[in-house]
Amino acid sequence: MAIPDDGVHSGRCLCGGIHFETTGPPTIVAQCCCVDCQRLTGTGHSTGAMYASDRVRLTGEVTEFRLTSEAGNEVTRVFCPKCGSPILGRNSGMPGFVTLSLGVFDDSSAFDPQVAIFTRSRRPWDALSDAVDCFAAQPEWKPAEA
């Protein structure tokens, strides 16, 4: 199913304290199998939709956690301080973009993952779709300018 250019997508955390809205298709939908994402989600990978930051409107109180990635970038995880739902992530290597966690969208059924990254860390019990391009690490790719 294609995501319409003018489609509004909304979501919220588990407790409803945080809401967000964005419009149109994401820049990319990716699964990440890195160990940090495994710990963040408590499962084998995270799945997120990347959007230009100026296309995302977020309301509610958030908490942030920062870490340094394997590539030396600062990665910021934004989550709900009450229920712990992971809302979005930012990476200093991709300024002007955020990646919204697919699980917090009200309806993410039209979001098909296109790539899986850090598959070298994929757990054998975590099956990924054969329909996505897989990369052992972070590919040399940058989104178009925001």
C-alpha atoms as a PDB file:
ATOM      1  CA  MET A   1       0.000   0.000   0.000  1.00  0.00           C
ATOM      2  CA  ALA A   2       1.475   3.395  -0.978  1.00  0.00           C
ATOM      3  CA  ILE A   3       1.548   6.221   1.522  1.00  0.00           C
ATOM      4  CA  PRO A   4      -0.199   9.315   0.081  1.00  0.00           C
ATOM      5  CA  ASP A   5       1.870  12.504  -0.108  1.00  0.00           C
ATOM      6  CA  ASP A   6      -0.837  14.409   1.777  1.00  0.00           C
ATOM      7  CA  GLY A   7      -1.676  11.676   4.283  1.00  0.00           C
ATOM      8  CA  VAL A   8      -1.535  12.661   7.946  1.00  0.00           C
ATOM      9  CA  HIS A   9      -0.089  10.046  10.290  1.00  0.00           C
ATOM     10  CA  SER A  10      -0.510  10.270  14.031  1.00  0.00           C
ATOM     11  CA  GLY A  11       0.575   8.285  17.016  1.00  0.00           C
ATOM     12  CA  ARG A  12       0.995   8.251  20.751  1.00  0.00           C
ATOM     13  CA  CYS A  13       2.806   6.588  23.592  1.00  0.00           C
ATOM     14  CA  LEU A  14       1.255   3.787  25.650  1.00  0.00           C
ATOM     15  CA  CYS A  15      -0.105   6.093  28.372  1.00  0.00           C
ATOM     16  CA  GLY A  16      -1.264   8.819  25.953  1.00  0.00           C
ATOM     17  CA  GLY A  17       0.946  11.523  27.455  1.00  0.00           C
ATOM     18  CA  ILE A  18       2.774  12.106  24.168  1.00  0.00           C
ATOM     19  CA  HIS A  19       1.149  12.580  20.765  1.00  0.00           C
ATOM     20  CA  PHE A  20       2.701  13.236  17.365  1.00  0.00           C
ATOM     21  CA  GLU A  21       1.644  13.996  13.820  1.00  0.00           C
ATOM     22  CA  THR A  22       3.482  13.920  10.518  1.00  0.00           C
ATOM     23  CA  THR A  23       2.440  14.231   6.893  1.00  0.00           C
ATOM     24  CA  GLY A  24       3.230  12.239   3.786  1.00  0.00           C
ATOM     25  CA  PRO A  25       5.550   9.367   3.120  1.00  0.00           C
ATOM     26  CA  PRO A  26       8.736   8.933   5.146  1.00  0.00           C
ATOM     27  CA  THR A  27      12.187   9.378   3.630  1.00  0.00           C
ATOM     28  CA  ILE A  28      12.871   5.719   4.400  1.00  0.00           C
ATOM     29  CA  VAL A  29      11.555   2.946   6.648  1.00  0.00           C
ATOM     30  CA  ALA A  30      14.334   0.920   8.221  1.00  0.00           C
ATOM     31  CA  GLN A  31      14.873  -1.920  10.624  1.00  0.00           C
ATOM     32  CA  CYS A  32      17.968  -1.745  12.797  1.00  0.00           C
ATOM     33  CA  CYS A  33      19.466  -4.855  14.379  1.00  0.00           C
ATOM     34  CA  CYS A  34      22.270  -3.139  16.324  1.00  0.00           C
ATOM     35  CA  VAL A  35      22.727  -4.146  19.946  1.00  0.00           C
ATOM     36  CA  ASP A  36      21.640  -0.676  21.139  1.00  0.00           C
ATOM     37  CA  CYS A  37      18.288  -1.038  19.318  1.00  0.00           C
ATOM     38  CA  GLN A  38      17.881  -4.541  20.708  1.00  0.00           C
ATOM     39  CA  ARG A  39      18.287  -3.146  24.216  1.00  0.00           C
ATOM     40  CA  LEU A  40      16.018  -0.177  23.455  1.00  0.00           C
ATOM     41  CA  THR A  41      13.159  -2.358  22.239  1.00  0.00           C
ATOM     42  CA  GLY A  42      13.736  -5.487  24.289  1.00  0.00           C
ATOM     43  CA  THR A  43      13.562  -7.536  21.088  1.00  0.00           C
ATOM     44  CA  GLY A  44      15.674  -8.295  18.011  1.00  0.00           C
ATOM     45  CA  HIS A  45      15.452  -4.963  16.175  1.00  0.00           C
ATOM     46  CA  SER A  46      13.798  -1.564  16.025  1.00  0.00           C
ATOM     47  CA  THR A  47      11.721  -0.378  13.079  1.00  0.00           C
ATOM     48  CA  GLY A  48      11.322   3.295  12.299  1.00  0.00           C
ATOM     49  CA  ALA A  49      10.146   5.778   9.701  1.00  0.00           C
ATOM     50  CA  MET A  50      12.531   8.664   8.985  1.00  0.00           C
ATOM     51  CA  TYR A  51      11.036  12.132   8.449  1.00  0.00           C
ATOM     52  CA  ALA A  52      12.430  15.625   8.078  1.00  0.00           C
ATOM     53  CA  SER A  53      12.253  17.163  11.558  1.00  0.00           C
ATOM     54  CA  ASP A  54      10.117  20.058  10.368  1.00  0.00           C
ATOM     55  CA  ARG A  55       7.422  17.586   9.266  1.00  0.00           C
ATOM     56  CA  VAL A  56       6.910  16.196  12.781  1.00  0.00           C
ATOM     57  CA  ARG A  57       4.793  17.862  15.451  1.00  0.00           C
ATOM     58  CA  LEU A  58       5.185  16.416  18.952  1.00  0.00           C
ATOM     59  CA  THR A  59       3.198  17.317  22.065  1.00  0.00           C
ATOM     60  CA  GLY A  60       3.724  16.156  25.625  1.00  0.00           C
ATOM     61  CA  GLU A  61       6.639  15.848  28.004  1.00  0.00           C
ATOM     62  CA  VAL A  62       9.529  13.695  26.800  1.00  0.00           C
ATOM     63  CA  THR A  63      12.752  12.391  28.267  1.00  0.00           C
ATOM     64  CA  GLU A  64      15.950  11.948  26.280  1.00  0.00           C
ATOM     65  CA  PHE A  65      18.851   9.549  26.525  1.00  0.00           C
ATOM     66  CA  ARG A  66      22.052  10.160  24.562  1.00  0.00           C
ATOM     67  CA  LEU A  67      24.748   7.720  23.573  1.00  0.00           C
ATOM     68  CA  THR A  68      27.681   7.605  21.180  1.00  0.00           C
ATOM     69  CA  SER A  69      27.266   5.222  18.243  1.00  0.00           C
ATOM     70  CA  GLU A  70      29.904   2.895  16.861  1.00  0.00           C
ATOM     71  CA  ALA A  71      30.529   5.512  14.128  1.00  0.00           C
ATOM     72  CA  GLY A  72      31.059   8.257  16.735  1.00  0.00           C
ATOM     73  CA  ASN A  73      27.716  10.002  16.155  1.00  0.00           C
ATOM     74  CA  GLU A  74      25.574  11.219  19.024  1.00  0.00           C
ATOM     75  CA  VAL A  75      22.326   9.262  19.046  1.00  0.00           C
ATOM     76  CA  THR A  76      19.426  10.669  21.046  1.00  0.00           C
ATOM     77  CA  ARG A  77      16.543   8.429  22.074  1.00  0.00           C
ATOM     78  CA  VAL A  78      13.324  10.265  22.920  1.00  0.00           C
ATOM     79  CA  PHE A  79      10.788   8.420  25.049  1.00  0.00           C
ATOM     80  CA  CYS A  80       7.872   8.925  27.419  1.00  0.00           C
ATOM     81  CA  PRO A  81       9.008   9.469  31.025  1.00  0.00           C
ATOM     82  CA  LYS A  82       5.804   7.869  32.365  1.00  0.00           C
ATOM     83  CA  CYS A  83       5.328   4.683  30.332  1.00  0.00           C
ATOM     84  CA  GLY A  84       8.748   4.342  28.642  1.00  0.00           C
ATOM     85  CA  SER A  85       7.444   4.127  25.067  1.00  0.00           C
ATOM     86  CA  PRO A  86      10.236   4.888  22.564  1.00  0.00           C
ATOM     87  CA  ILE A  87       8.925   7.768  20.424  1.00  0.00           C
ATOM     88  CA  LEU A  88      11.768   8.793  18.140  1.00  0.00           C
ATOM     89  CA  GLY A  89      15.485   8.931  17.616  1.00  0.00           C
ATOM     90  CA  ARG A  90      17.912  11.547  16.303  1.00  0.00           C
ATOM     91  CA  ASN A  91      21.400  10.933  14.944  1.00  0.00           C
ATOM     92  CA  SER A  92      23.983  13.726  14.657  1.00  0.00           C
ATOM     93  CA  GLY A  93      25.133  12.099  11.415  1.00  0.00           C
ATOM     94  CA  MET A  94      21.751  12.904   9.840  1.00  0.00           C
ATOM     95  CA  PRO A  95      20.890  16.427  11.010  1.00  0.00           C
ATOM     96  CA  GLY A  96      17.406  17.680  10.210  1.00  0.00           C
ATOM     97  CA  PHE A  97      15.830  14.223  10.411  1.00  0.00           C
ATOM     98  CA  VAL A  98      14.159  12.111  13.096  1.00  0.00           C
ATOM     99  CA  THR A  99      13.141   8.464  13.033  1.00  0.00           C
ATOM    100  CA  LEU A 100       9.730   7.732  14.544  1.00  0.00           C
ATOM    101  CA  SER A 101       9.236   4.298  16.100  1.00  0.00           C
ATOM    102  CA  LEU A 102       6.736   2.413  13.947  1.00  0.00           C
ATOM    103  CA  GLY A 103       5.062   0.780  16.935  1.00  0.00           C
ATOM    104  CA  VAL A 104       3.735   4.084  18.294  1.00  0.00           C
ATOM    105  CA  PHE A 105       1.887   5.085  15.094  1.00  0.00           C
ATOM    106  CA  ASP A 106      -1.893   4.756  15.330  1.00  0.00           C
ATOM    107  CA  ASP A 107      -1.816   2.855  12.026  1.00  0.00           C
ATOM    108  CA  SER A 108       1.518   1.771  10.577  1.00  0.00           C
ATOM    109  CA  SER A 109       0.102  -0.805   8.167  1.00  0.00           C
ATOM    110  CA  ALA A 110       1.192   1.178   5.066  1.00  0.00           C
ATOM    111  CA  PHE A 111       4.816   1.488   6.217  1.00  0.00           C
ATOM    112  CA  ASP A 112       6.861  -1.249   4.554  1.00  0.00           C
ATOM    113  CA  PRO A 113      10.489  -1.538   5.703  1.00  0.00           C
ATOM    114  CA  GLN A 114      12.905  -0.964   2.830  1.00  0.00           C
ATOM    115  CA  VAL A 115      16.225  -1.781   4.506  1.00  0.00           C
ATOM    116  CA  ALA A 116      17.629  -3.622   7.496  1.00  0.00           C
ATOM    117  CA  ILE A 117      20.907  -2.352   8.921  1.00  0.00           C
ATOM    118  CA  PHE A 118      23.455  -3.830  11.314  1.00  0.00           C
ATOM    119  CA  THR A 119      22.288  -7.308  10.355  1.00  0.00           C
ATOM    120  CA  ARG A 120      25.657  -8.637  11.549  1.00  0.00           C
ATOM    121  CA  SER A 121      24.145  -8.284  15.050  1.00  0.00           C
ATOM    122  CA  ARG A 122      20.829  -9.920  14.142  1.00  0.00           C
ATOM    123  CA  ARG A 123      19.805 -12.667  16.537  1.00  0.00           C
ATOM    124  CA  PRO A 124      19.071 -16.035  14.914  1.00  0.00           C
ATOM    125  CA  TRP A 125      15.552 -16.047  16.390  1.00  0.00           C
ATOM    126  CA  ASP A 126      14.702 -12.644  14.863  1.00  0.00           C
ATOM    127  CA  ALA A 127      13.400 -13.278  11.337  1.00  0.00           C
ATOM    128  CA  LEU A 128      13.516 -10.377   8.892  1.00  0.00           C
ATOM    129  CA  SER A 129      11.633 -10.102   5.628  1.00  0.00           C
ATOM    130  CA  ASP A 130      13.395 -11.239   2.473  1.00  0.00           C
ATOM    131  CA  ALA A 131      11.839  -8.191   0.771  1.00  0.00           C
ATOM    132  CA  VAL A 132      14.252  -5.710   2.390  1.00  0.00           C
ATOM    133  CA  ASP A 133      17.819  -4.881   1.430  1.00  0.00           C
ATOM    134  CA  CYS A 134      20.151  -5.969   4.231  1.00  0.00           C
ATOM    135  CA  PHE A 135      23.394  -4.282   5.283  1.00  0.00           C
ATOM    136  CA  ALA A 136      25.875  -5.698   7.791  1.00  0.00           C
ATOM    137  CA  ALA A 137      26.522  -2.172   9.157  1.00  0.00           C
ATOM    138  CA  GLN A 138      25.356   1.385   8.487  1.00  0.00           C
ATOM    139  CA  PRO A 139      25.417   1.917   4.703  1.00  0.00           C
ATOM    140  CA  GLU A 140      27.068   4.998   3.218  1.00  0.00           C
ATOM    141  CA  TRP A 141      23.752   6.773   2.694  1.00  0.00           C
ATOM    142  CA  LYS A 142      22.446  10.155   3.708  1.00  0.00           C
ATOM    143  CA  PRO A 143      18.898  11.431   3.241  1.00  0.00           C
ATOM    144  CA  ALA A 144      18.294  14.353   0.918  1.00  0.00           C
ATOM    145  CA  GLU A 145      18.595  17.751   2.560  1.00  0.00           C
ATOM    146  CA  ALA A 146      15.729  18.599   4.916  1.00  0.00           C
END
